[in-house]
């Protein structure tokens, strides 16, 4: 082998190692972002990121976008709800409780 053949072989090995390193870093990126942001579905995002690597990048953008979104919890939905809607829901709950109490009184008066 000549000197240029050896140099070419070394450069090819370095490129292969660098490509492998980049693929591993990109595969782990959505999962690490989700963990840093304390995402409740971080483990699923991590798996989706690696599936994206295995499918040559098809699911990887989905995992990355998913890592930056955060599902709204029920308490946040209640806090963001319209006050008029909450008042209406409270009124409906009161009416339903009265109906249940009435039904319980009727059932209590019956001999079973």
PDB file of N, CA and C in Angstrom:
ATOM      1  N   UNK A   1       0.846  -1.194   0.000  1.00  0.00           N
ATOM      2  CA  UNK A   1       0.000   0.000   0.000  1.00  0.00           C
ATOM      3  C   UNK A   1       0.880   1.241   0.000  1.00  0.00           C
ATOM      4  N   UNK A   2       0.384   2.208  -0.712  1.00  0.00           N
ATOM      5  CA  UNK A   2       1.110   3.465  -0.760  1.00  0.00           C
ATOM      6  C   UNK A   2       0.627   4.393   0.353  1.00  0.00           C
ATOM      7  N   UNK A   3       1.310   5.470   0.529  1.00  0.00           N
ATOM      8  CA  UNK A   3       0.983   6.420   1.581  1.00  0.00           C
ATOM      9  C   UNK A   3      -0.393   7.047   1.420  1.00  0.00           C
ATOM     10  N   UNK A   4      -0.781   7.341   0.170  1.00  0.00           N
ATOM     11  CA  UNK A   4      -2.103   7.944  -0.060  1.00  0.00           C
ATOM     12  C   UNK A   4      -3.227   6.955   0.210  1.00  0.00           C
ATOM     13  N   UNK A   5      -3.002   5.663  -0.051  1.00  0.00           N
ATOM     14  CA  UNK A   5      -4.009   4.645   0.248  1.00  0.00           C
ATOM     15  C   UNK A   5      -4.255   4.558   1.756  1.00  0.00           C
ATOM     16  N   UNK A   6      -3.205   4.607   2.533  1.00  0.00           N
ATOM     17  CA  UNK A   6      -3.325   4.555   3.990  1.00  0.00           C
ATOM     18  C   UNK A   6      -4.027   5.808   4.507  1.00  0.00           C
ATOM     19  N   UNK A   7      -3.661   6.956   3.963  1.00  0.00           N
ATOM     20  CA  UNK A   7      -4.313   8.209   4.364  1.00  0.00           C
ATOM     21  C   UNK A   7      -5.806   8.183   4.035  1.00  0.00           C
ATOM     22  N   UNK A   8      -6.155   7.661   2.850  1.00  0.00           N
ATOM     23  CA  UNK A   8      -7.560   7.544   2.452  1.00  0.00           C
ATOM     24  C   UNK A   8      -8.310   6.612   3.393  1.00  0.00           C
ATOM     25  N   UNK A   9      -7.693   5.499   3.752  1.00  0.00           N
ATOM     26  CA  UNK A   9      -8.317   4.551   4.676  1.00  0.00           C
ATOM     27  C   UNK A   9      -8.545   5.184   6.043  1.00  0.00           C
ATOM     28  N   UNK A  10      -7.586   5.935   6.534  1.00  0.00           N
ATOM     29  CA  UNK A  10      -7.724   6.613   7.827  1.00  0.00           C
ATOM     30  C   UNK A  10      -8.854   7.636   7.771  1.00  0.00           C
ATOM     31  N   UNK A  11      -8.913   8.403   6.699  1.00  0.00           N
ATOM     32  CA  UNK A  11      -9.973   9.408   6.561  1.00  0.00           C
ATOM     33  C   UNK A  11     -11.342   8.737   6.495  1.00  0.00           C
ATOM     34  N   UNK A  12     -11.442   7.617   5.781  1.00  0.00           N
ATOM     35  CA  UNK A  12     -12.734   6.905   5.703  1.00  0.00           C
ATOM     36  C   UNK A  12     -13.162   6.366   7.062  1.00  0.00           C
ATOM     37  N   UNK A  13     -12.229   5.829   7.822  1.00  0.00           N
ATOM     38  CA  UNK A  13     -12.558   5.322   9.164  1.00  0.00           C
ATOM     39  C   UNK A  13     -13.015   6.475  10.058  1.00  0.00           C
ATOM     40  N   UNK A  14     -12.329   7.590  10.000  1.00  0.00           N
ATOM     41  CA  UNK A  14     -12.716   8.766  10.799  1.00  0.00           C
ATOM     42  C   UNK A  14     -14.110   9.247  10.410  1.00  0.00           C
ATOM     43  N   UNK A  15     -14.411   9.281   9.117  1.00  0.00           N
ATOM     44  CA  UNK A  15     -15.734   9.708   8.662  1.00  0.00           C
ATOM     45  C   UNK A  15     -16.830   8.756   9.135  1.00  0.00           C
ATOM     46  N   UNK A  16     -16.571   7.462   9.077  1.00  0.00           N
ATOM     47  CA  UNK A  16     -17.561   6.477   9.532  1.00  0.00           C
ATOM     48  C   UNK A  16     -17.819   6.639  11.024  1.00  0.00           C
ATOM     49  N   UNK A  17     -16.750   6.826  11.802  1.00  0.00           N
ATOM     50  CA  UNK A  17     -16.903   7.024  13.246  1.00  0.00           C
ATOM     51  C   UNK A  17     -17.675   8.313  13.523  1.00  0.00           C
ATOM     52  N   UNK A  18     -17.381   9.377  12.790  1.00  0.00           N
ATOM     53  CA  UNK A  18     -18.084  10.645  12.992  1.00  0.00           C
ATOM     54  C   UNK A  18     -19.563  10.532  12.619  1.00  0.00           C
ATOM     55  N   UNK A  19     -19.872   9.855  11.532  1.00  0.00           N
ATOM     56  CA  UNK A  19     -21.267   9.664  11.134  1.00  0.00           C
ATOM     57  C   UNK A  19     -22.007   8.852  12.193  1.00  0.00           C
ATOM     58  N   UNK A  20     -21.376   7.814  12.705  1.00  0.00           N
ATOM     59  CA  UNK A  20     -21.993   7.023  13.778  1.00  0.00           C
ATOM     60  C   UNK A  20     -22.247   7.861  15.020  1.00  0.00           C
ATOM     61  N   UNK A  21     -21.294   8.693  15.388  1.00  0.00           N
ATOM     62  CA  UNK A  21     -21.445   9.572  16.549  1.00  0.00           C
ATOM     63  C   UNK A  21     -22.609  10.550  16.342  1.00  0.00           C
ATOM     64  N   UNK A  22     -22.692  11.125  15.159  1.00  0.00           N
ATOM     65  CA  UNK A  22     -23.774  12.084  14.862  1.00  0.00           C
ATOM     66  C   UNK A  22     -25.133  11.390  14.904  1.00  0.00           C
ATOM     67  N   UNK A  23     -25.224  10.174  14.360  1.00  0.00           N
ATOM     68  CA  UNK A  23     -26.490   9.434  14.369  1.00  0.00           C
ATOM     69  C   UNK A  23     -26.918   9.140  15.803  1.00  0.00           C
ATOM     70  N   UNK A  24     -25.981   8.728  16.642  1.00  0.00           N
ATOM     71  CA  UNK A  24     -26.307   8.440  18.044  1.00  0.00           C
ATOM     72  C   UNK A  24     -26.764   9.708  18.767  1.00  0.00           C
ATOM     73  N   UNK A  25     -26.077  10.814  18.547  1.00  0.00           N
ATOM     74  CA  UNK A  25     -26.460  12.077  19.192  1.00  0.00           C
ATOM     75  C   UNK A  25     -27.840  12.540  18.734  1.00  0.00           C
ATOM     76  N   UNK A  26     -28.097  12.447  17.427  1.00  0.00           N
ATOM     77  CA  UNK A  26     -29.405  12.876  16.913  1.00  0.00           C
ATOM     78  C   UNK A  26     -30.527  11.952  17.387  1.00  0.00           C
ATOM     79  N   UNK A  27     -30.255  10.650  17.502  1.00  0.00           N
ATOM     80  CA  UNK A  27     -31.271   9.715  17.989  1.00  0.00           C
ATOM     81  C   UNK A  27     -31.648   9.982  19.437  1.00  0.00           C
ATOM     82  N   UNK A  28     -30.694  10.407  20.230  1.00  0.00           N
ATOM     83  CA  UNK A  28     -30.943  10.661  21.645  1.00  0.00           C
ATOM     84  C   UNK A  28     -31.459  12.076  21.914  1.00  0.00           C
ATOM     85  N   UNK A  29     -31.395  12.957  20.932  1.00  0.00           N
ATOM     86  CA  UNK A  29     -31.750  14.366  21.147  1.00  0.00           C
ATOM     87  C   UNK A  29     -33.193  14.586  21.616  1.00  0.00           C
ATOM     88  N   UNK A  30     -34.223  14.029  20.953  1.00  0.00           N
ATOM     89  CA  UNK A  30     -35.588  14.291  21.433  1.00  0.00           C
ATOM     90  C   UNK A  30     -35.822  13.809  22.866  1.00  0.00           C
ATOM     91  N   UNK A  31     -35.279  12.639  23.191  1.00  0.00           N
ATOM     92  CA  UNK A  31     -35.445  12.120  24.552  1.00  0.00           C
ATOM     93  C   UNK A  31     -34.764  12.982  25.599  1.00  0.00           C
ATOM     94  N   UNK A  32     -33.576  13.475  25.288  1.00  0.00           N
ATOM     95  CA  UNK A  32     -32.875  14.314  26.265  1.00  0.00           C
ATOM     96  C   UNK A  32     -33.570  15.672  26.421  1.00  0.00           C
ATOM     97  N   UNK A  33     -34.108  16.210  25.341  1.00  0.00           N
ATOM     98  CA  UNK A  33     -34.863  17.468  25.444  1.00  0.00           C
ATOM     99  C   UNK A  33     -36.096  17.262  26.315  1.00  0.00           C
ATOM    100  N   UNK A  34     -36.795  16.146  26.097  1.00  0.00           N
ATOM    101  CA  UNK A  34     -38.000  15.866  26.888  1.00  0.00           C
ATOM    102  C   UNK A  34     -37.658  15.698  28.365  1.00  0.00           C
ATOM    103  N   UNK A  35     -36.556  15.038  28.655  1.00  0.00           N
ATOM    104  CA  UNK A  35     -36.147  14.877  30.058  1.00  0.00           C
ATOM    105  C   UNK A  35     -35.792  16.214  30.697  1.00  0.00           C
ATOM    106  N   UNK A  36     -35.103  17.074  29.963  1.00  0.00           N
ATOM    107  CA  UNK A  36     -34.740  18.389  30.499  1.00  0.00           C
ATOM    108  C   UNK A  36     -35.967  19.242  30.767  1.00  0.00           C
ATOM    109  N   UNK A  37     -37.007  19.077  29.946  1.00  0.00           N
ATOM    110  CA  UNK A  37     -38.217  19.868  30.095  1.00  0.00           C
ATOM    111  C   UNK A  37     -39.225  19.205  31.025  1.00  0.00           C
ATOM    112  N   UNK A  38     -38.843  18.084  31.672  1.00  0.00           N
ATOM    113  CA  UNK A  38     -39.699  17.322  32.579  1.00  0.00           C
ATOM    114  C   UNK A  38     -41.027  16.957  31.914  1.00  0.00           C
ATOM    115  N   UNK A  39     -40.943  16.473  30.691  1.00  0.00           N
ATOM    116  CA  UNK A  39     -42.133  16.080  29.945  1.00  0.00           C
ATOM    117  C   UNK A  39     -42.685  14.794  30.547  1.00  0.00           C
ATOM    118  N   UNK A  40     -44.002  14.706  30.759  1.00  0.00           N
ATOM    119  CA  UNK A  40     -44.557  13.491  31.372  1.00  0.00           C
ATOM    120  C   UNK A  40     -44.420  12.245  30.487  1.00  0.00           C
ATOM    121  N   UNK A  41     -44.202  12.412  29.202  1.00  0.00           N
ATOM    122  CA  UNK A  41     -44.088  11.276  28.289  1.00  0.00           C
ATOM    123  C   UNK A  41     -42.668  11.179  27.719  1.00  0.00           C
ATOM    124  N   UNK A  42     -41.685  11.495  28.528  1.00  0.00           N
ATOM    125  CA  UNK A  42     -40.294  11.558  28.067  1.00  0.00           C
ATOM    126  C   UNK A  42     -39.794  10.213  27.564  1.00  0.00           C
ATOM    127  N   UNK A  43     -40.175   9.151  28.215  1.00  0.00           N
ATOM    128  CA  UNK A  43     -39.699   7.828  27.808  1.00  0.00           C
ATOM    129  C   UNK A  43     -40.253   7.453  26.435  1.00  0.00           C
ATOM    130  N   UNK A  44     -41.511   7.755  26.184  1.00  0.00           N
ATOM    131  CA  UNK A  44     -42.108   7.478  24.870  1.00  0.00           C
ATOM    132  C   UNK A  44     -41.442   8.329  23.789  1.00  0.00           C
ATOM    133  N   UNK A  45     -41.100   9.546  24.115  1.00  0.00           N
ATOM    134  CA  UNK A  45     -40.418  10.417  23.155  1.00  0.00           C
ATOM    135  C   UNK A  45     -39.028   9.872  22.842  1.00  0.00           C
ATOM    136  N   UNK A  46     -38.350   9.356  23.858  1.00  0.00           N
ATOM    137  CA  UNK A  46     -37.029   8.773  23.649  1.00  0.00           C
ATOM    138  C   UNK A  46     -37.119   7.584  22.694  1.00  0.00           C
ATOM    139  N   UNK A  47     -38.108   6.726  22.914  1.00  0.00           N
ATOM    140  CA  UNK A  47     -38.295   5.556  22.045  1.00  0.00           C
ATOM    141  C   UNK A  47     -38.639   5.996  20.621  1.00  0.00           C
ATOM    142  N   UNK A  48     -39.495   6.994  20.498  1.00  0.00           N
ATOM    143  CA  UNK A  48     -39.870   7.499  19.175  1.00  0.00           C
ATOM    144  C   UNK A  48     -38.666   8.083  18.445  1.00  0.00           C
ATOM    145  N   UNK A  49     -37.770   8.728  19.160  1.00  0.00           N
ATOM    146  CA  UNK A  49     -36.558   9.258  18.554  1.00  0.00           C
ATOM    147  C   UNK A  49     -35.683   8.155  17.989  1.00  0.00           C
ATOM    148  N   UNK A  50     -35.537   7.050  18.725  1.00  0.00           N
ATOM    149  CA  UNK A  50     -34.720   5.942  18.231  1.00  0.00           C
ATOM    150  C   UNK A  50     -35.410   5.206  17.097  1.00  0.00           C
ATOM    151  N   UNK A  51     -36.733   5.122  17.145  1.00  0.00           N
ATOM    152  CA  UNK A  51     -37.458   4.530  16.010  1.00  0.00           C
ATOM    153  C   UNK A  51     -37.261   5.394  14.775  1.00  0.00           C
ATOM    154  N   UNK A  52     -37.216   6.703  14.976  1.00  0.00           N
ATOM    155  CA  UNK A  52     -36.944   7.610  13.867  1.00  0.00           C
ATOM    156  C   UNK A  52     -35.584   7.370  13.246  1.00  0.00           C
ATOM    157  N   UNK A  53     -34.597   7.033  14.060  1.00  0.00           N
ATOM    158  CA  UNK A  53     -33.267   6.720  13.522  1.00  0.00           C
ATOM    159  C   UNK A  53     -33.330   5.420  12.722  1.00  0.00           C
ATOM    160  N   UNK A  54     -34.047   4.429  13.255  1.00  0.00           N
ATOM    161  CA  UNK A  54     -34.144   3.145  12.560  1.00  0.00           C
ATOM    162  C   UNK A  54     -34.915   3.250  11.250  1.00  0.00           C
ATOM    163  N   UNK A  55     -35.867   4.185  11.172  1.00  0.00           N
ATOM    164  CA  UNK A  55     -36.650   4.362   9.944  1.00  0.00           C
ATOM    165  C   UNK A  55     -36.058   5.443   9.054  1.00  0.00           C
ATOM    166  N   UNK A  56     -34.807   5.742   9.265  1.00  0.00           N
ATOM    167  CA  UNK A  56     -34.072   6.729   8.470  1.00  0.00           C
ATOM    168  C   UNK A  56     -34.695   8.117   8.540  1.00  0.00           C
ATOM    169  N   UNK A  57     -35.175   8.484   9.700  1.00  0.00           N
ATOM    170  CA  UNK A  57     -35.617   9.852   9.937  1.00  0.00           C
ATOM    171  C   UNK A  57     -37.096  10.110   9.784  1.00  0.00           C
ATOM    172  N   UNK A  58     -37.918   9.081   9.589  1.00  0.00           N
ATOM    173  CA  UNK A  58     -39.351   9.327   9.396  1.00  0.00           C
ATOM    174  C   UNK A  58     -40.047   9.758  10.687  1.00  0.00           C
ATOM    175  N   UNK A  59     -39.762   9.103  11.788  1.00  0.00           N
ATOM    176  CA  UNK A  59     -40.438   9.430  13.045  1.00  0.00           C
ATOM    177  C   UNK A  59     -39.648  10.425  13.892  1.00  0.00           C
ATOM    178  N   UNK A  60     -38.427  10.712  13.515  1.00  0.00           N
ATOM    179  CA  UNK A  60     -37.582  11.586  14.328  1.00  0.00           C
ATOM    180  C   UNK A  60     -38.137  13.008  14.447  1.00  0.00           C
ATOM    181  N   UNK A  61     -38.614  13.639  13.367  1.00  0.00           N
ATOM    182  CA  UNK A  61     -39.184  14.996  13.525  1.00  0.00           C
ATOM    183  C   UNK A  61     -40.421  15.001  14.425  1.00  0.00           C
ATOM    184  N   UNK A  62     -41.188  13.929  14.370  1.00  0.00           N
ATOM    185  CA  UNK A  62     -42.368  13.833  15.247  1.00  0.00           C
ATOM    186  C   UNK A  62     -41.917  13.811  16.698  1.00  0.00           C
ATOM    187  N   UNK A  63     -40.894  13.028  16.999  1.00  0.00           N
ATOM    188  CA  UNK A  63     -40.377  12.954  18.369  1.00  0.00           C
ATOM    189  C   UNK A  63     -39.830  14.299  18.824  1.00  0.00           C
ATOM    190  N   UNK A  64     -39.170  15.005  17.923  1.00  0.00           N
ATOM    191  CA  UNK A  64     -38.596  16.304  18.282  1.00  0.00           C
ATOM    192  C   UNK A  64     -39.701  17.319  18.577  1.00  0.00           C
ATOM    193  N   UNK A  65     -40.722  17.364  17.749  1.00  0.00           N
ATOM    194  CA  UNK A  65     -41.843  18.279  17.995  1.00  0.00           C
ATOM    195  C   UNK A  65     -42.565  17.894  19.271  1.00  0.00           C
ATOM    196  N   UNK A  66     -42.750  16.595  19.477  1.00  0.00           N
ATOM    197  CA  UNK A  66     -43.428  16.082  20.673  1.00  0.00           C
ATOM    198  C   UNK A  66     -42.660  16.469  21.935  1.00  0.00           C
ATOM    199  N   UNK A  67     -41.338  16.503  21.852  1.00  0.00           N
ATOM    200  CA  UNK A  67     -40.520  16.860  23.017  1.00  0.00           C
ATOM    201  C   UNK A  67     -40.748  18.309  23.441  1.00  0.00           C
ATOM    202  N   UNK A  68     -41.091  19.177  22.497  1.00  0.00           N
ATOM    203  CA  UNK A  68     -41.298  20.586  22.816  1.00  0.00           C
ATOM    204  C   UNK A  68     -42.742  20.916  23.175  1.00  0.00           C
ATOM    205  N   UNK A  69     -43.659  19.986  22.963  1.00  0.00           N
ATOM    206  CA  UNK A  69     -45.051  20.221  23.356  1.00  0.00           C
ATOM    207  C   UNK A  69     -45.282  19.643  24.734  1.00  0.00           C
ATOM    208  N   UNK A  70     -46.252  20.168  25.422  1.00  0.00           N
ATOM    209  CA  UNK A  70     -46.569  19.667  26.760  1.00  0.00           C
ATOM    210  C   UNK A  70     -48.078  19.528  26.858  1.00  0.00           C
ATOM    211  N   UNK A  71     -48.573  18.328  27.175  1.00  0.00           N
ATOM    212  CA  UNK A  71     -50.012  18.161  27.296  1.00  0.00           C
ATOM    213  C   UNK A  71     -50.549  18.970  28.470  1.00  0.00           C
ATOM    214  N   UNK A  72     -51.719  19.514  28.278  1.00  0.00           N
ATOM    215  CA  UNK A  72     -52.312  20.342  29.323  1.00  0.00           C
ATOM    216  C   UNK A  72     -53.009  19.438  30.334  1.00  0.00           C
ATOM    217  N   UNK A  73     -52.709  19.631  31.605  1.00  0.00           N
ATOM    218  CA  UNK A  73     -53.315  18.814  32.638  1.00  0.00           C
ATOM    219  C   UNK A  73     -54.747  19.276  32.883  1.00  0.00           C
ATOM    220  N   UNK A  74     -55.494  18.452  33.597  1.00  0.00           N
ATOM    221  CA  UNK A  74     -56.891  18.769  33.878  1.00  0.00           C
ATOM    222  C   UNK A  74     -57.014  20.047  34.702  1.00  0.00           C
ATOM    223  N   UNK A  75     -56.114  20.239  35.666  1.00  0.00           N
ATOM    224  CA  UNK A  75     -56.182  21.449  36.488  1.00  0.00           C
ATOM    225  C   UNK A  75     -55.889  22.697  35.655  1.00  0.00           C
ATOM    226  N   UNK A  76     -54.964  22.573  34.687  1.00  0.00           N
ATOM    227  CA  UNK A  76     -54.687  23.708  33.814  1.00  0.00           C
ATOM    228  C   UNK A  76     -55.873  24.008  32.911  1.00  0.00           C
ATOM    229  N   UNK A  77     -56.569  22.966  32.462  1.00  0.00           N
ATOM    230  CA  UNK A  77     -57.751  23.162  31.634  1.00  0.00           C
ATOM    231  C   UNK A  77     -58.848  23.872  32.424  1.00  0.00           C
ATOM    232  N   UNK A  78     -58.989  23.498  33.695  1.00  0.00           N
ATOM    233  CA  UNK A  78     -60.012  24.128  34.530  1.00  0.00           C
ATOM    234  C   UNK A  78     -59.666  25.594  34.756  1.00  0.00           C
ATOM    235  N   UNK A  79     -58.382  25.869  35.007  1.00  0.00           N
ATOM    236  CA  UNK A  79     -57.982  27.256  35.233  1.00  0.00           C
ATOM    237  C   UNK A  79     -58.145  28.114  33.978  1.00  0.00           C
ATOM    238  N   UNK A  80     -57.971  27.487  32.807  1.00  0.00           N
ATOM    239  CA  UNK A  80     -58.102  28.221  31.555  1.00  0.00           C
ATOM    240  C   UNK A  80     -59.543  28.304  31.059  1.00  0.00           C
ATOM    241  N   UNK A  81     -60.467  27.633  31.729  1.00  0.00           N
ATOM    242  CA  UNK A  81     -61.854  27.593  31.266  1.00  0.00           C
ATOM    243  C   UNK A  81     -62.528  28.950  31.465  1.00  0.00           C
ATOM    244  N   UNK A  82     -63.568  29.160  30.694  1.00  0.00           N
ATOM    245  CA  UNK A  82     -64.363  30.384  30.768  1.00  0.00           C
ATOM    246  C   UNK A  82     -65.133  30.399  32.088  1.00  0.00           C
ATOM    247  N   UNK A  83     -65.110  31.494  32.835  1.00  0.00           N
ATOM    248  CA  UNK A  83     -65.833  31.550  34.115  1.00  0.00           C
ATOM    249  C   UNK A  83     -67.336  31.288  33.961  1.00  0.00           C
ATOM    250  N   UNK A  84     -67.927  31.747  32.870  1.00  0.00           N
ATOM    251  CA  UNK A  84     -69.357  31.487  32.653  1.00  0.00           C
ATOM    252  C   UNK A  84     -69.621  30.000  32.469  1.00  0.00           C
ATOM    253  N   UNK A  85     -68.704  29.335  31.778  1.00  0.00           N
ATOM    254  CA  UNK A  85     -68.852  27.892  31.574  1.00  0.00           C
ATOM    255  C   UNK A  85     -68.719  27.152  32.904  1.00  0.00           C
ATOM    256  N   UNK A  86     -67.792  27.600  33.747  1.00  0.00           N
ATOM    257  CA  UNK A  86     -67.638  26.970  35.061  1.00  0.00           C
ATOM    258  C   UNK A  86     -68.875  27.162  35.922  1.00  0.00           C
ATOM    259  N   UNK A  87     -69.470  28.357  35.871  1.00  0.00           N
ATOM    260  CA  UNK A  87     -70.684  28.616  36.639  1.00  0.00           C
ATOM    261  C   UNK A  87     -71.820  27.722  36.162  1.00  0.00           C
ATOM    262  N   UNK A  88     -71.913  27.547  34.855  1.00  0.00           N
ATOM    263  CA  UNK A  88     -72.939  26.676  34.288  1.00  0.00           C
ATOM    264  C   UNK A  88     -72.727  25.227  34.737  1.00  0.00           C
ATOM    265  N   UNK A  89     -71.478  24.775  34.736  1.00  0.00           N
ATOM    266  CA  UNK A  89     -71.172  23.414  35.177  1.00  0.00           C
ATOM    267  C   UNK A  89     -71.482  23.226  36.658  1.00  0.00           C
ATOM    268  N   UNK A  90     -71.180  24.236  37.472  1.00  0.00           N
ATOM    269  CA  UNK A  90     -71.503  24.152  38.907  1.00  0.00           C
ATOM    270  C   UNK A  90     -73.007  24.042  39.113  1.00  0.00           C
ATOM    271  N   UNK A  91     -73.766  24.802  38.343  1.00  0.00           N
ATOM    272  CA  UNK A  91     -75.226  24.757  38.453  1.00  0.00           C
ATOM    273  C   UNK A  91     -75.739  23.369  38.045  1.00  0.00           C
ATOM    274  N   UNK A  92     -75.195  22.801  36.989  1.00  0.00           N
ATOM    275  CA  UNK A  92     -75.615  21.471  36.559  1.00  0.00           C
ATOM    276  C   UNK A  92     -75.275  20.425  37.611  1.00  0.00           C
ATOM    277  N   UNK A  93     -74.121  20.556  38.250  1.00  0.00           N
ATOM    278  CA  UNK A  93     -73.738  19.610  39.301  1.00  0.00           C
ATOM    279  C   UNK A  93     -74.701  19.706  40.469  1.00  0.00           C
ATOM    280  N   UNK A  94     -75.067  20.922  40.867  1.00  0.00           N
ATOM    281  CA  UNK A  94     -76.015  21.102  41.969  1.00  0.00           C
ATOM    282  C   UNK A  94     -77.359  20.469  41.636  1.00  0.00           C
ATOM    283  N   UNK A  95     -77.830  20.672  40.407  1.00  0.00           N
ATOM    284  CA  UNK A  95     -79.107  20.087  39.997  1.00  0.00           C
ATOM    285  C   UNK A  95     -79.047  18.566  40.007  1.00  0.00           C
ATOM    286  N   UNK A  96     -77.939  18.005  39.537  1.00  0.00           N
ATOM    287  CA  UNK A  96     -77.793  16.551  39.540  1.00  0.00           C
ATOM    288  C   UNK A  96     -77.718  15.996  40.958  1.00  0.00           C
ATOM    289  N   UNK A  97     -77.044  16.716  41.863  1.00  0.00           N
ATOM    290  CA  UNK A  97     -76.992  16.263  43.261  1.00  0.00           C
ATOM    291  C   UNK A  97     -78.377  16.269  43.886  1.00  0.00           C
ATOM    292  N   UNK A  98     -79.178  17.274  43.571  1.00  0.00           N
ATOM    293  CA  UNK A  98     -80.554  17.324  44.093  1.00  0.00           C
ATOM    294  C   UNK A  98     -81.370  16.155  43.556  1.00  0.00           C
ATOM    295  N   UNK A  99     -81.202  15.849  42.285  1.00  0.00           N
ATOM    296  CA  UNK A  99     -81.937  14.722  41.701  1.00  0.00           C
ATOM    297  C   UNK A  99     -81.523  13.405  42.350  1.00  0.00           C
ATOM    298  N   UNK A 100     -80.225  13.244  42.603  1.00  0.00           N
ATOM    299  CA  UNK A 100     -79.754  12.020  43.253  1.00  0.00           C
ATOM    300  C   UNK A 100     -80.325  11.922  44.662  1.00  0.00           C
ATOM    301  N   UNK A 101     -80.323  13.036  45.397  1.00  0.00           N
ATOM    302  CA  UNK A 101     -80.895  13.033  46.751  1.00  0.00           C
ATOM    303  C   UNK A 101     -82.373  12.660  46.711  1.00  0.00           C
ATOM    304  N   UNK A 102     -83.108  13.191  45.738  1.00  0.00           N
ATOM    305  CA  UNK A 102     -84.535  12.875  45.598  1.00  0.00           C
ATOM    306  C   UNK A 102     -84.717  11.390  45.307  1.00  0.00           C
ATOM    307  N   UNK A 103     -83.923  10.857  44.428  1.00  0.00           N
ATOM    308  CA  UNK A 103     -84.021   9.433  44.100  1.00  0.00           C
ATOM    309  C   UNK A 103     -83.661   8.566  45.301  1.00  0.00           C
ATOM    310  N   UNK A 104     -82.689   8.985  46.084  1.00  0.00           N
ATOM    311  CA  UNK A 104     -82.312   8.222  47.274  1.00  0.00           C
ATOM    312  C   UNK A 104     -83.434   8.242  48.302  1.00  0.00           C
ATOM    313  N   UNK A 105     -84.155   9.380  48.433  1.00  0.00           N
ATOM    314  CA  UNK A 105     -85.273   9.469  49.368  1.00  0.00           C
ATOM    315  C   UNK A 105     -86.416   8.558  48.919  1.00  0.00           C
ATOM    316  N   UNK A 106     -86.673   8.534  47.604  1.00  0.00           N
ATOM    317  CA  UNK A 106     -87.743   7.688  47.086  1.00  0.00           C
ATOM    318  C   UNK A 106     -87.389   6.230  47.291  1.00  0.00           C
ATOM    319  N   UNK A 107     -86.148   5.878  47.048  1.00  0.00           N
ATOM    320  CA  UNK A 107     -85.705   4.493  47.223  1.00  0.00           C
ATOM    321  C   UNK A 107     -85.753   4.108  48.708  1.00  0.00           C
ATOM    322  N   UNK A 108     -85.412   5.043  49.584  1.00  0.00           N
ATOM    323  CA  UNK A 108     -85.441   4.751  51.016  1.00  0.00           C
ATOM    324  C   UNK A 108     -86.856   4.514  51.526  1.00  0.00           C
ATOM    325  N   UNK A 109     -87.870   5.118  50.922  1.00  0.00           N
ATOM    326  CA  UNK A 109     -89.251   4.947  51.315  1.00  0.00           C
ATOM    327  C   UNK A 109     -89.863   3.655  50.813  1.00  0.00           C
ATOM    328  N   UNK A 110     -89.220   3.039  49.836  1.00  0.00           N
ATOM    329  CA  UNK A 110     -89.746   1.796  49.279  1.00  0.00           C
ATOM    330  C   UNK A 110     -89.256   0.619  50.098  1.00  0.00           C
ATOM    331  N   UNK A 111     -90.112  -0.384  50.250  1.00  0.00           N
ATOM    332  CA  UNK A 111     -89.714  -1.596  50.949  1.00  0.00           C
ATOM    333  C   UNK A 111     -89.181  -2.584  49.930  1.00  0.00           C
ATOM    334  N   UNK A 112     -87.929  -2.929  50.094  1.00  0.00           N
ATOM    335  CA  UNK A 112     -87.328  -3.881  49.165  1.00  0.00           C
ATOM    336  C   UNK A 112     -87.103  -5.195  49.823  1.00  0.00           C
TER     337      UNK A 112
END
